[in-house]
Amino acid sequence: MDPRFTECRGAAHPEGEPALTVTGSLVDGSAAVLLVAAPVDEARLRRWVADLSTRYGDVTPRAANGQRMWQWVRQQRMIRLTTRLEGANRMVSVSLVDGPLLDGLNRGSE
């Protein structure tokens, strides 16, 4: 295991919102990947997509294997919203990925 990596997990319970799980993968103390996940209804999913689209622009969702996915990439950083059904629940996850941080991991070893 690479000693530069650490992971932390937590949960948040914003008032009026579903409980969120949060997972952070850190490299040398900087967030490389953050994942926020929650069960949400269709209206809340539309609001999350609309909020991201307002900030980062409209994208066309892709569908595969029972999932829908929207992805925005800006300055080599990615935000991906993925939704899928798990039984009666619609699960939504938002991934935030710092491409330059991850790309820089191998620079010293090449």
PDB file of N, CA and C in Angstrom:
ATOM      1  N   MET A   1       0.835  -1.175   0.000  1.00  0.00           N
ATOM      2  CA  MET A   1       0.000   0.000   0.000  1.00  0.00           C
ATOM      3  C   MET A   1       0.889   1.250   0.000  1.00  0.00           C
ATOM      4  N   ASP A   2       0.512   2.220  -0.781  1.00  0.00           N
ATOM      5  CA  ASP A   2       1.257   3.468  -0.906  1.00  0.00           C
ATOM      6  C   ASP A   2       1.031   4.327   0.341  1.00  0.00           C
ATOM      7  N   PRO A   3       2.081   4.667   1.081  1.00  0.00           N
ATOM      8  CA  PRO A   3       1.908   5.437   2.318  1.00  0.00           C
ATOM      9  C   PRO A   3       1.420   6.866   2.091  1.00  0.00           C
ATOM     10  N   ARG A   4       1.445   7.335   0.857  1.00  0.00           N
ATOM     11  CA  ARG A   4       0.943   8.692   0.579  1.00  0.00           C
ATOM     12  C   ARG A   4      -0.571   8.763   0.657  1.00  0.00           C
ATOM     13  N   PHE A   5      -1.254   7.608   0.565  1.00  0.00           N
ATOM     14  CA  PHE A   5      -2.712   7.570   0.539  1.00  0.00           C
ATOM     15  C   PHE A   5      -3.301   7.364   1.925  1.00  0.00           C
ATOM     16  N   THR A   6      -4.352   8.096   2.220  1.00  0.00           N
ATOM     17  CA  THR A   6      -5.173   7.851   3.396  1.00  0.00           C
ATOM     18  C   THR A   6      -6.624   7.986   2.966  1.00  0.00           C
ATOM     19  N   GLU A   7      -7.508   7.424   3.757  1.00  0.00           N
ATOM     20  CA  GLU A   7      -8.933   7.511   3.448  1.00  0.00           C
ATOM     21  C   GLU A   7      -9.679   7.865   4.719  1.00  0.00           C
ATOM     22  N   CYS A   8     -10.682   8.670   4.566  1.00  0.00           N
ATOM     23  CA  CYS A   8     -11.544   8.958   5.707  1.00  0.00           C
ATOM     24  C   CYS A   8     -12.995   8.867   5.243  1.00  0.00           C
ATOM     25  N   ARG A   9     -13.854   8.505   6.188  1.00  0.00           N
ATOM     26  CA  ARG A   9     -15.274   8.336   5.902  1.00  0.00           C
ATOM     27  C   ARG A   9     -16.073   9.060   6.962  1.00  0.00           C
ATOM     28  N   GLY A  10     -17.227   9.525   6.548  1.00  0.00           N
ATOM     29  CA  GLY A  10     -18.091  10.191   7.502  1.00  0.00           C
ATOM     30  C   GLY A  10     -19.508  10.267   6.967  1.00  0.00           C
ATOM     31  N   ALA A  11     -20.338  10.941   7.711  1.00  0.00           N
ATOM     32  CA  ALA A  11     -21.733  11.119   7.319  1.00  0.00           C
ATOM     33  C   ALA A  11     -22.164  12.519   7.715  1.00  0.00           C
ATOM     34  N   ALA A  12     -23.124  13.039   6.989  1.00  0.00           N
ATOM     35  CA  ALA A  12     -23.698  14.344   7.299  1.00  0.00           C
ATOM     36  C   ALA A  12     -25.211  14.201   7.220  1.00  0.00           C
ATOM     37  N   HIS A  13     -25.884  14.968   8.033  1.00  0.00           N
ATOM     38  CA  HIS A  13     -27.344  14.913   8.079  1.00  0.00           C
ATOM     39  C   HIS A  13     -27.889  16.339   7.957  1.00  0.00           C
ATOM     40  N   PRO A  14     -27.776  16.940   6.756  1.00  0.00           N
ATOM     41  CA  PRO A  14     -28.278  18.304   6.584  1.00  0.00           C
ATOM     42  C   PRO A  14     -29.789  18.361   6.822  1.00  0.00           C
ATOM     43  N   GLU A  15     -30.225  19.405   7.488  1.00  0.00           N
ATOM     44  CA  GLU A  15     -31.649  19.554   7.779  1.00  0.00           C
ATOM     45  C   GLU A  15     -32.456  19.600   6.486  1.00  0.00           C
ATOM     46  N   GLY A  16     -33.492  18.777   6.402  1.00  0.00           N
ATOM     47  CA  GLY A  16     -34.364  18.753   5.233  1.00  0.00           C
ATOM     48  C   GLY A  16     -33.801  17.996   4.048  1.00  0.00           C
ATOM     49  N   GLU A  17     -32.636  17.396   4.197  1.00  0.00           N
ATOM     50  CA  GLU A  17     -31.991  16.654   3.114  1.00  0.00           C
ATOM     51  C   GLU A  17     -31.776  15.215   3.573  1.00  0.00           C
ATOM     52  N   PRO A  18     -31.533  14.305   2.611  1.00  0.00           N
ATOM     53  CA  PRO A  18     -31.246  12.925   3.008  1.00  0.00           C
ATOM     54  C   PRO A  18     -29.869  12.845   3.678  1.00  0.00           C
ATOM     55  N   ALA A  19     -29.664  11.810   4.465  1.00  0.00           N
ATOM     56  CA  ALA A  19     -28.356  11.579   5.078  1.00  0.00           C
ATOM     57  C   ALA A  19     -27.340  11.308   3.975  1.00  0.00           C
ATOM     58  N   LEU A  20     -26.188  11.940   4.072  1.00  0.00           N
ATOM     59  CA  LEU A  20     -25.130  11.794   3.080  1.00  0.00           C
ATOM     60  C   LEU A  20     -23.989  10.986   3.670  1.00  0.00           C
ATOM     61  N   THR A  21     -23.419  10.101   2.871  1.00  0.00           N
ATOM     62  CA  THR A  21     -22.153   9.485   3.254  1.00  0.00           C
ATOM     63  C   THR A  21     -21.059  10.187   2.473  1.00  0.00           C
ATOM     64  N   VAL A  22     -19.929  10.385   3.107  1.00  0.00           N
ATOM     65  CA  VAL A  22     -18.810  11.086   2.489  1.00  0.00           C
ATOM     66  C   VAL A  22     -17.570  10.232   2.648  1.00  0.00           C
ATOM     67  N   THR A  23     -16.870  10.007   1.534  1.00  0.00           N
ATOM     68  CA  THR A  23     -15.612   9.278   1.555  1.00  0.00           C
ATOM     69  C   THR A  23     -14.570  10.148   0.871  1.00  0.00           C
ATOM     70  N   GLY A  24     -13.448  10.321   1.527  1.00  0.00           N
ATOM     71  CA  GLY A  24     -12.359  11.104   0.950  1.00  0.00           C
ATOM     72  C   GLY A  24     -11.113  10.257   0.830  1.00  0.00           C
ATOM     73  N   SER A  25     -10.507  10.268  -0.342  1.00  0.00           N
ATOM     74  CA  SER A  25      -9.207   9.634  -0.554  1.00  0.00           C
ATOM     75  C   SER A  25      -8.205  10.772  -0.688  1.00  0.00           C
ATOM     76  N   LEU A  26      -7.226  10.757   0.211  1.00  0.00           N
ATOM     77  CA  LEU A  26      -6.262  11.854   0.271  1.00  0.00           C
ATOM     78  C   LEU A  26      -4.884  11.375  -0.140  1.00  0.00           C
ATOM     79  N   VAL A  27      -4.155  12.262  -0.775  1.00  0.00           N
ATOM     80  CA  VAL A  27      -2.767  12.011  -1.135  1.00  0.00           C
ATOM     81  C   VAL A  27      -1.945  13.089  -0.440  1.00  0.00           C
ATOM     82  N   ASP A  28      -1.078  12.651   0.440  1.00  0.00           N
ATOM     83  CA  ASP A  28      -0.254  13.588   1.207  1.00  0.00           C
ATOM     84  C   ASP A  28      -1.088  14.708   1.813  1.00  0.00           C
ATOM     85  N   GLY A  29      -2.265  14.362   2.315  1.00  0.00           N
ATOM     86  CA  GLY A  29      -3.120  15.329   2.998  1.00  0.00           C
ATOM     87  C   GLY A  29      -4.002  16.175   2.106  1.00  0.00           C
ATOM     88  N   SER A  30      -3.924  16.008   0.788  1.00  0.00           N
ATOM     89  CA  SER A  30      -4.781  16.760  -0.140  1.00  0.00           C
ATOM     90  C   SER A  30      -5.838  15.833  -0.720  1.00  0.00           C
ATOM     91  N   ALA A  31      -7.060  16.339  -0.863  1.00  0.00           N
ATOM     92  CA  ALA A  31      -8.157  15.526  -1.387  1.00  0.00           C
ATOM     93  C   ALA A  31      -7.927  15.200  -2.856  1.00  0.00           C
ATOM     94  N   ALA A  32      -7.810  13.917  -3.154  1.00  0.00           N
ATOM     95  CA  ALA A  32      -7.660  13.458  -4.534  1.00  0.00           C
ATOM     96  C   ALA A  32      -9.009  13.053  -5.105  1.00  0.00           C
ATOM     97  N   VAL A  33      -9.809  12.341  -4.296  1.00  0.00           N
ATOM     98  CA  VAL A  33     -11.133  11.895  -4.710  1.00  0.00           C
ATOM     99  C   VAL A  33     -12.069  12.077  -3.523  1.00  0.00           C
ATOM    100  N   LEU A  34     -13.194  12.724  -3.758  1.00  0.00           N
ATOM    101  CA  LEU A  34     -14.255  12.826  -2.764  1.00  0.00           C
ATOM    102  C   LEU A  34     -15.493  12.187  -3.355  1.00  0.00           C
ATOM    103  N   LEU A  35     -16.192  11.422  -2.556  1.00  0.00           N
ATOM    104  CA  LEU A  35     -17.417  10.777  -3.000  1.00  0.00           C
ATOM    105  C   LEU A  35     -18.507  11.079  -1.976  1.00  0.00           C
ATOM    106  N   VAL A  36     -19.585  11.681  -2.450  1.00  0.00           N
ATOM    107  CA  VAL A  36     -20.753  11.978  -1.622  1.00  0.00           C
ATOM    108  C   VAL A  36     -21.894  11.138  -2.177  1.00  0.00           C
ATOM    109  N   ALA A  37     -22.583  10.395  -1.317  1.00  0.00           N
ATOM    110  CA  ALA A  37     -23.658   9.524  -1.787  1.00  0.00           C
ATOM    111  C   ALA A  37     -24.866   9.635  -0.866  1.00  0.00           C
ATOM    112  N   ALA A  38     -26.049   9.459  -1.458  1.00  0.00           N
ATOM    113  CA  ALA A  38     -27.295   9.535  -0.687  1.00  0.00           C
ATOM    114  C   ALA A  38     -28.426   8.911  -1.482  1.00  0.00           C
ATOM    115  N   PRO A  39     -29.429   8.398  -0.776  1.00  0.00           N
ATOM    116  CA  PRO A  39     -30.657   7.995  -1.461  1.00  0.00           C
ATOM    117  C   PRO A  39     -31.487   9.251  -1.703  1.00  0.00           C
ATOM    118  N   VAL A  40     -31.891   9.486  -2.940  1.00  0.00           N
ATOM    119  CA  VAL A  40     -32.663  10.694  -3.244  1.00  0.00           C
ATOM    120  C   VAL A  40     -33.842  10.346  -4.139  1.00  0.00           C
ATOM    121  N   ASP A  41     -34.848  11.204  -4.112  1.00  0.00           N
ATOM    122  CA  ASP A  41     -35.986  11.002  -5.003  1.00  0.00           C
ATOM    123  C   ASP A  41     -35.691  11.688  -6.334  1.00  0.00           C
ATOM    124  N   GLU A  42     -36.568  11.475  -7.300  1.00  0.00           N
ATOM    125  CA  GLU A  42     -36.355  12.012  -8.653  1.00  0.00           C
ATOM    126  C   GLU A  42     -36.295  13.535  -8.654  1.00  0.00           C
ATOM    127  N   ALA A  43     -37.120  14.192  -7.854  1.00  0.00           N
ATOM    128  CA  ALA A  43     -37.116  15.664  -7.813  1.00  0.00           C
ATOM    129  C   ALA A  43     -35.781  16.198  -7.297  1.00  0.00           C
ATOM    130  N   ARG A  44     -35.247  15.583  -6.251  1.00  0.00           N
ATOM    131  CA  ARG A  44     -33.965  16.029  -5.700  1.00  0.00           C
ATOM    132  C   ARG A  44     -32.843  15.747  -6.695  1.00  0.00           C
ATOM    133  N   LEU A  45     -32.902  14.599  -7.380  1.00  0.00           N
ATOM    134  CA  LEU A  45     -31.911  14.297  -8.414  1.00  0.00           C
ATOM    135  C   LEU A  45     -31.919  15.382  -9.485  1.00  0.00           C
ATOM    136  N   ARG A  46     -33.104  15.757  -9.952  1.00  0.00           N
ATOM    137  CA  ARG A  46     -33.196  16.817 -10.968  1.00  0.00           C
ATOM    138  C   ARG A  46     -32.595  18.122 -10.452  1.00  0.00           C
ATOM    139  N   ARG A  47     -32.826  18.422  -9.173  1.00  0.00           N
ATOM    140  CA  ARG A  47     -32.276  19.654  -8.601  1.00  0.00           C
ATOM    141  C   ARG A  47     -30.752  19.603  -8.533  1.00  0.00           C
ATOM    142  N   TRP A  48     -30.207  18.448  -8.136  1.00  0.00           N
ATOM    143  CA  TRP A  48     -28.747  18.327  -8.082  1.00  0.00           C
ATOM    144  C   TRP A  48     -28.140  18.481  -9.475  1.00  0.00           C
ATOM    145  N   VAL A  49     -28.739  17.837 -10.478  1.00  0.00           N
ATOM    146  CA  VAL A  49     -28.240  17.962 -11.856  1.00  0.00           C
ATOM    147  C   VAL A  49     -28.366  19.406 -12.324  1.00  0.00           C
ATOM    148  N   ALA A  50     -29.492  20.044 -12.039  1.00  0.00           N
ATOM    149  CA  ALA A  50     -29.689  21.437 -12.451  1.00  0.00           C
ATOM    150  C   ALA A  50     -28.677  22.356 -11.786  1.00  0.00           C
ATOM    151  N   ASP A  51     -28.414  22.144 -10.502  1.00  0.00           N
ATOM    152  CA  ASP A  51     -27.430  22.977  -9.800  1.00  0.00           C
ATOM    153  C   ASP A  51     -26.041  22.837 -10.414  1.00  0.00           C
ATOM    154  N   LEU A  52     -25.621  21.607 -10.701  1.00  0.00           N
ATOM    155  CA  LEU A  52     -24.318  21.398 -11.331  1.00  0.00           C
ATOM    156  C   LEU A  52     -24.288  21.954 -12.746  1.00  0.00           C
ATOM    157  N   SER A  53     -25.382  21.796 -13.502  1.00  0.00           N
ATOM    158  CA  SER A  53     -25.449  22.310 -14.869  1.00  0.00           C
ATOM    159  C   SER A  53     -25.402  23.831 -14.890  1.00  0.00           C
ATOM    160  N   THR A  54     -26.036  24.467 -13.931  1.00  0.00           N
ATOM    161  CA  THR A  54     -26.001  25.927 -13.855  1.00  0.00           C
ATOM    162  C   THR A  54     -24.575  26.404 -13.641  1.00  0.00           C
ATOM    163  N   ARG A  55     -23.857  25.711 -12.804  1.00  0.00           N
ATOM    164  CA  ARG A  55     -22.484  26.131 -12.491  1.00  0.00           C
ATOM    165  C   ARG A  55     -21.473  25.739 -13.561  1.00  0.00           C
ATOM    166  N   TYR A  56     -21.607  24.518 -14.145  1.00  0.00           N
ATOM    167  CA  TYR A  56     -20.568  23.994 -15.036  1.00  0.00           C
ATOM    168  C   TYR A  56     -21.007  23.804 -16.482  1.00  0.00           C
ATOM    169  N   GLY A  57     -22.279  24.031 -16.791  1.00  0.00           N
ATOM    170  CA  GLY A  57     -22.765  23.889 -18.153  1.00  0.00           C
ATOM    171  C   GLY A  57     -23.579  22.617 -18.340  1.00  0.00           C
ATOM    172  N   ASP A  58     -24.393  22.630 -19.370  1.00  0.00           N
ATOM    173  CA  ASP A  58     -25.236  21.476 -19.668  1.00  0.00           C
ATOM    174  C   ASP A  58     -24.404  20.359 -20.275  1.00  0.00           C
ATOM    175  N   VAL A  59     -24.682  19.141 -19.859  1.00  0.00           N
ATOM    176  CA  VAL A  59     -24.059  17.952 -20.444  1.00  0.00           C
ATOM    177  C   VAL A  59     -25.166  16.941 -20.729  1.00  0.00           C
ATOM    178  N   THR A  60     -24.909  16.067 -21.650  1.00  0.00           N
ATOM    179  CA  THR A  60     -25.863  15.015 -21.984  1.00  0.00           C
ATOM    180  C   THR A  60     -25.591  13.813 -21.102  1.00  0.00           C
ATOM    181  N   PRO A  61     -26.613  13.325 -20.417  1.00  0.00           N
ATOM    182  CA  PRO A  61     -26.380  12.148 -19.576  1.00  0.00           C
ATOM    183  C   PRO A  61     -26.133  10.915 -20.435  1.00  0.00           C
ATOM    184  N   ARG A  62     -25.357  10.008 -19.881  1.00  0.00           N
ATOM    185  CA  ARG A  62     -25.129   8.719 -20.527  1.00  0.00           C
ATOM    186  C   ARG A  62     -25.798   7.648 -19.674  1.00  0.00           C
ATOM    187  N   ALA A  63     -26.264   6.605 -20.330  1.00  0.00           N
ATOM    188  CA  ALA A  63     -26.923   5.515 -19.615  1.00  0.00           C
ATOM    189  C   ALA A  63     -26.252   4.197 -19.997  1.00  0.00           C
ATOM    190  N   ALA A  64     -25.999   3.375 -18.977  1.00  0.00           N
ATOM    191  CA  ALA A  64     -25.435   2.040 -19.211  1.00  0.00           C
ATOM    192  C   ALA A  64     -25.618   1.220 -17.945  1.00  0.00           C
ATOM    193  N   ASN A  65     -25.924  -0.037 -18.128  1.00  0.00           N
ATOM    194  CA  ASN A  65     -26.000  -0.981 -17.009  1.00  0.00           C
ATOM    195  C   ASN A  65     -26.932  -0.512 -15.892  1.00  0.00           C
ATOM    196  N   GLY A  66     -28.054   0.077 -16.261  1.00  0.00           N
ATOM    197  CA  GLY A  66     -29.021   0.509 -15.267  1.00  0.00           C
ATOM    198  C   GLY A  66     -28.653   1.794 -14.536  1.00  0.00           C
ATOM    199  N   GLN A  67     -27.649   2.496 -15.006  1.00  0.00           N
ATOM    200  CA  GLN A  67     -27.222   3.742 -14.382  1.00  0.00           C
ATOM    201  C   GLN A  67     -27.338   4.902 -15.366  1.00  0.00           C
ATOM    202  N   ARG A  68     -27.516   6.095 -14.817  1.00  0.00           N
ATOM    203  CA  ARG A  68     -27.389   7.324 -15.610  1.00  0.00           C
ATOM    204  C   ARG A  68     -26.236   8.118 -15.018  1.00  0.00           C
ATOM    205  N   MET A  69     -25.482   8.812 -15.875  1.00  0.00           N
ATOM    206  CA  MET A  69     -24.304   9.510 -15.430  1.00  0.00           C
ATOM    207  C   MET A  69     -24.155  10.829 -16.173  1.00  0.00           C
ATOM    208  N   TRP A  70     -23.869  11.890 -15.420  1.00  0.00           N
ATOM    209  CA  TRP A  70     -23.549  13.209 -15.970  1.00  0.00           C
ATOM    210  C   TRP A  70     -22.113  13.493 -15.557  1.00  0.00           C
ATOM    211  N   GLN A  71     -21.329  14.072 -16.467  1.00  0.00           N
ATOM    212  CA  GLN A  71     -19.922  14.322 -16.135  1.00  0.00           C
ATOM    213  C   GLN A  71     -19.489  15.687 -16.640  1.00  0.00           C
ATOM    214  N   TRP A  72     -18.803  16.419 -15.768  1.00  0.00           N
ATOM    215  CA  TRP A  72     -18.243  17.720 -16.102  1.00  0.00           C
ATOM    216  C   TRP A  72     -16.743  17.657 -15.833  1.00  0.00           C
ATOM    217  N   VAL A  73     -15.938  18.183 -16.759  1.00  0.00           N
ATOM    218  CA  VAL A  73     -14.489  18.254 -16.569  1.00  0.00           C
ATOM    219  C   VAL A  73     -14.068  19.685 -16.815  1.00  0.00           C
ATOM    220  N   ARG A  74     -13.387  20.248 -15.823  1.00  0.00           N
ATOM    221  CA  ARG A  74     -12.878  21.616 -15.914  1.00  0.00           C
ATOM    222  C   ARG A  74     -11.483  21.634 -15.314  1.00  0.00           C
ATOM    223  N   GLN A  75     -10.526  22.185 -16.035  1.00  0.00           N
ATOM    224  CA  GLN A  75      -9.148  22.312 -15.558  1.00  0.00           C
ATOM    225  C   GLN A  75      -8.613  20.987 -15.024  1.00  0.00           C
ATOM    226  N   GLN A  76      -8.873  19.924 -15.746  1.00  0.00           N
ATOM    227  CA  GLN A  76      -8.422  18.562 -15.443  1.00  0.00           C
ATOM    228  C   GLN A  76      -8.993  18.018 -14.129  1.00  0.00           C
ATOM    229  N   ARG A  77     -10.080  18.616 -13.675  1.00  0.00           N
ATOM    230  CA  ARG A  77     -10.787  18.115 -12.501  1.00  0.00           C
ATOM    231  C   ARG A  77     -12.174  17.679 -12.947  1.00  0.00           C
ATOM    232  N   MET A  78     -12.628  16.548 -12.409  1.00  0.00           N
ATOM    233  CA  MET A  78     -13.875  15.963 -12.879  1.00  0.00           C
ATOM    234  C   MET A  78     -14.907  15.925 -11.757  1.00  0.00           C
ATOM    235  N   ILE A  79     -16.138  16.214 -12.140  1.00  0.00           N
ATOM    236  CA  ILE A  79     -17.298  15.989 -11.281  1.00  0.00           C
ATOM    237  C   ILE A  79     -18.200  15.026 -12.043  1.00  0.00           C
ATOM    238  N   ARG A  80     -18.565  13.942 -11.389  1.00  0.00           N
ATOM    239  CA  ARG A  80     -19.448  12.962 -12.024  1.00  0.00           C
ATOM    240  C   ARG A  80     -20.596  12.653 -11.069  1.00  0.00           C
ATOM    241  N   LEU A  81     -21.811  12.800 -11.568  1.00  0.00           N
ATOM    242  CA  LEU A  81     -23.007  12.432 -10.813  1.00  0.00           C
ATOM    243  C   LEU A  81     -23.543  11.161 -11.436  1.00  0.00           C
ATOM    244  N   THR A  82     -23.716  10.135 -10.619  1.00  0.00           N
ATOM    245  CA  THR A  82     -24.204   8.840 -11.089  1.00  0.00           C
ATOM    246  C   THR A  82     -25.431   8.466 -10.282  1.00  0.00           C
ATOM    247  N   THR A  83     -26.429   7.911 -10.942  1.00  0.00           N
ATOM    248  CA  THR A  83     -27.630   7.458 -10.245  1.00  0.00           C
ATOM    249  C   THR A  83     -27.994   6.055 -10.703  1.00  0.00           C
ATOM    250  N   ARG A  84     -28.505   5.291  -9.747  1.00  0.00           N
ATOM    251  CA  ARG A  84     -28.952   3.932 -10.033  1.00  0.00           C
ATOM    252  C   ARG A  84     -30.008   3.557  -9.003  1.00  0.00           C
ATOM    253  N   LEU A  85     -30.835   2.595  -9.366  1.00  0.00           N
ATOM    254  CA  LEU A  85     -31.831   2.091  -8.429  1.00  0.00           C
ATOM    255  C   LEU A  85     -31.235   0.933  -7.643  1.00  0.00           C
ATOM    256  N   GLU A  86     -31.451   0.961  -6.334  1.00  0.00           N
ATOM    257  CA  GLU A  86     -31.088  -0.148  -5.460  1.00  0.00           C
ATOM    258  C   GLU A  86     -32.359  -0.546  -4.726  1.00  0.00           C
ATOM    259  N   GLY A  87     -33.020  -1.563  -5.235  1.00  0.00           N
ATOM    260  CA  GLY A  87     -34.322  -1.928  -4.684  1.00  0.00           C
ATOM    261  C   GLY A  87     -35.301  -0.798  -4.938  1.00  0.00           C
ATOM    262  N   ALA A  88     -35.920  -0.287  -3.884  1.00  0.00           N
ATOM    263  CA  ALA A  88     -36.888   0.808  -4.021  1.00  0.00           C
ATOM    264  C   ALA A  88     -36.224   2.172  -3.927  1.00  0.00           C
ATOM    265  N   ASN A  89     -34.928   2.219  -3.642  1.00  0.00           N
ATOM    266  CA  ASN A  89     -34.237   3.499  -3.460  1.00  0.00           C
ATOM    267  C   ASN A  89     -33.459   3.912  -4.691  1.00  0.00           C
ATOM    268  N   ARG A  90     -33.483   5.192  -4.972  1.00  0.00           N
ATOM    269  CA  ARG A  90     -32.619   5.766  -6.007  1.00  0.00           C
ATOM    270  C   ARG A  90     -31.374   6.279  -5.296  1.00  0.00           C
ATOM    271  N   MET A  91     -30.229   5.692  -5.592  1.00  0.00           N
ATOM    272  CA  MET A  91     -28.968   6.125  -4.998  1.00  0.00           C
ATOM    273  C   MET A  91     -28.271   7.081  -5.960  1.00  0.00           C
ATOM    274  N   VAL A  92     -27.750   8.145  -5.404  1.00  0.00           N
ATOM    275  CA  VAL A  92     -27.010   9.113  -6.198  1.00  0.00           C
ATOM    276  C   VAL A  92     -25.643   9.296  -5.555  1.00  0.00           C
ATOM    277  N   SER A  93     -24.622   9.313  -6.382  1.00  0.00           N
ATOM    278  CA  SER A  93     -23.289   9.614  -5.881  1.00  0.00           C
ATOM    279  C   SER A  93     -22.693  10.718  -6.737  1.00  0.00           C
ATOM    280  N   VAL A  94     -21.949  11.572  -6.081  1.00  0.00           N
ATOM    281  CA  VAL A  94     -21.225  12.643  -6.765  1.00  0.00           C
ATOM    282  C   VAL A  94     -19.753  12.430  -6.454  1.00  0.00           C
ATOM    283  N   SER A  95     -18.952  12.260  -7.505  1.00  0.00           N
ATOM    284  CA  SER A  95     -17.509  12.067  -7.371  1.00  0.00           C
ATOM    285  C   SER A  95     -16.805  13.333  -7.803  1.00  0.00           C
ATOM    286  N   LEU A  96     -15.840  13.748  -7.015  1.00  0.00           N
ATOM    287  CA  LEU A  96     -14.988  14.890  -7.346  1.00  0.00           C
ATOM    288  C   LEU A  96     -13.569  14.347  -7.435  1.00  0.00           C
ATOM    289  N   VAL A  97     -12.930  14.490  -8.601  1.00  0.00           N
ATOM    290  CA  VAL A  97     -11.616  13.899  -8.822  1.00  0.00           C
ATOM    291  C   VAL A  97     -10.638  14.984  -9.242  1.00  0.00           C
ATOM    292  N   ASP A  98      -9.517  15.070  -8.525  1.00  0.00           N
ATOM    293  CA  ASP A  98      -8.464  16.033  -8.830  1.00  0.00           C
ATOM    294  C   ASP A  98      -7.445  15.352  -9.741  1.00  0.00           C
ATOM    295  N   GLY A  99      -7.623  15.505 -11.044  1.00  0.00           N
ATOM    296  CA  GLY A  99      -6.751  14.869 -12.027  1.00  0.00           C
ATOM    297  C   GLY A  99      -5.289  15.240 -11.883  1.00  0.00           C
ATOM    298  N   PRO A 100      -4.942  16.540 -11.787  1.00  0.00           N
ATOM    299  CA  PRO A 100      -3.524  16.898 -11.661  1.00  0.00           C
ATOM    300  C   PRO A 100      -2.849  16.264 -10.441  1.00  0.00           C
ATOM    301  N   LEU A 101      -3.546  16.176  -9.323  1.00  0.00           N
ATOM    302  CA  LEU A 101      -2.978  15.560  -8.137  1.00  0.00           C
ATOM    303  C   LEU A 101      -2.696  14.076  -8.392  1.00  0.00           C
ATOM    304  N   LEU A 102      -3.667  13.373  -8.955  1.00  0.00           N
ATOM    305  CA  LEU A 102      -3.467  11.949  -9.233  1.00  0.00           C
ATOM    306  C   LEU A 102      -2.431  11.722 -10.325  1.00  0.00           C
ATOM    307  N   ASP A 103      -2.447  12.558 -11.364  1.00  0.00           N
ATOM    308  CA  ASP A 103      -1.463  12.420 -12.444  1.00  0.00           C
ATOM    309  C   ASP A 103      -0.039  12.635 -11.939  1.00  0.00           C
ATOM    310  N   GLY A 104       0.111  13.462 -10.928  1.00  0.00           N
ATOM    311  CA  GLY A 104       1.430  13.764 -10.407  1.00  0.00           C
ATOM    312  C   GLY A 104       2.038  12.665  -9.550  1.00  0.00           C
ATOM    313  N   LEU A 105       1.276  11.636  -9.223  1.00  0.00           N
ATOM    314  CA  LEU A 105       1.795  10.581  -8.355  1.00  0.00           C
ATOM    315  C   LEU A 105       2.984   9.840  -8.950  1.00  0.00           C
ATOM    316  N   ASN A 106       2.995   9.636 -10.241  1.00  0.00           N
ATOM    317  CA  ASN A 106       4.061   8.851 -10.880  1.00  0.00           C
ATOM    318  C   ASN A 106       5.208   9.694 -11.410  1.00  0.00           C
ATOM    319  N   ARG A 107       5.121  11.000 -11.323  1.00  0.00           N
ATOM    320  CA  ARG A 107       6.157  11.849 -11.930  1.00  0.00           C
ATOM    321  C   ARG A 107       7.541  11.582 -11.371  1.00  0.00           C
ATOM    322  N   GLY A 108       7.652  11.330 -10.110  1.00  0.00           N
ATOM    323  CA  GLY A 108       8.963  11.095  -9.519  1.00  0.00           C
ATOM    324  C   GLY A 108       9.540   9.725  -9.819  1.00  0.00           C
ATOM    325  N   SER A 109       8.704   8.785 -10.262  1.00  0.00           N
ATOM    326  CA  SER A 109       9.190   7.419 -10.473  1.00  0.00           C
ATOM    327  C   SER A 109       9.446   7.083 -11.934  1.00  0.00           C
ATOM    328  N   GLU A 110       9.260   8.029 -12.828  1.00  0.00           N
ATOM    329  CA  GLU A 110       9.457   7.715 -14.263  1.00  0.00           C
ATOM    330  C   GLU A 110      10.883   7.931 -14.684  1.00  0.00           C
TER     331      GLU A 110
END
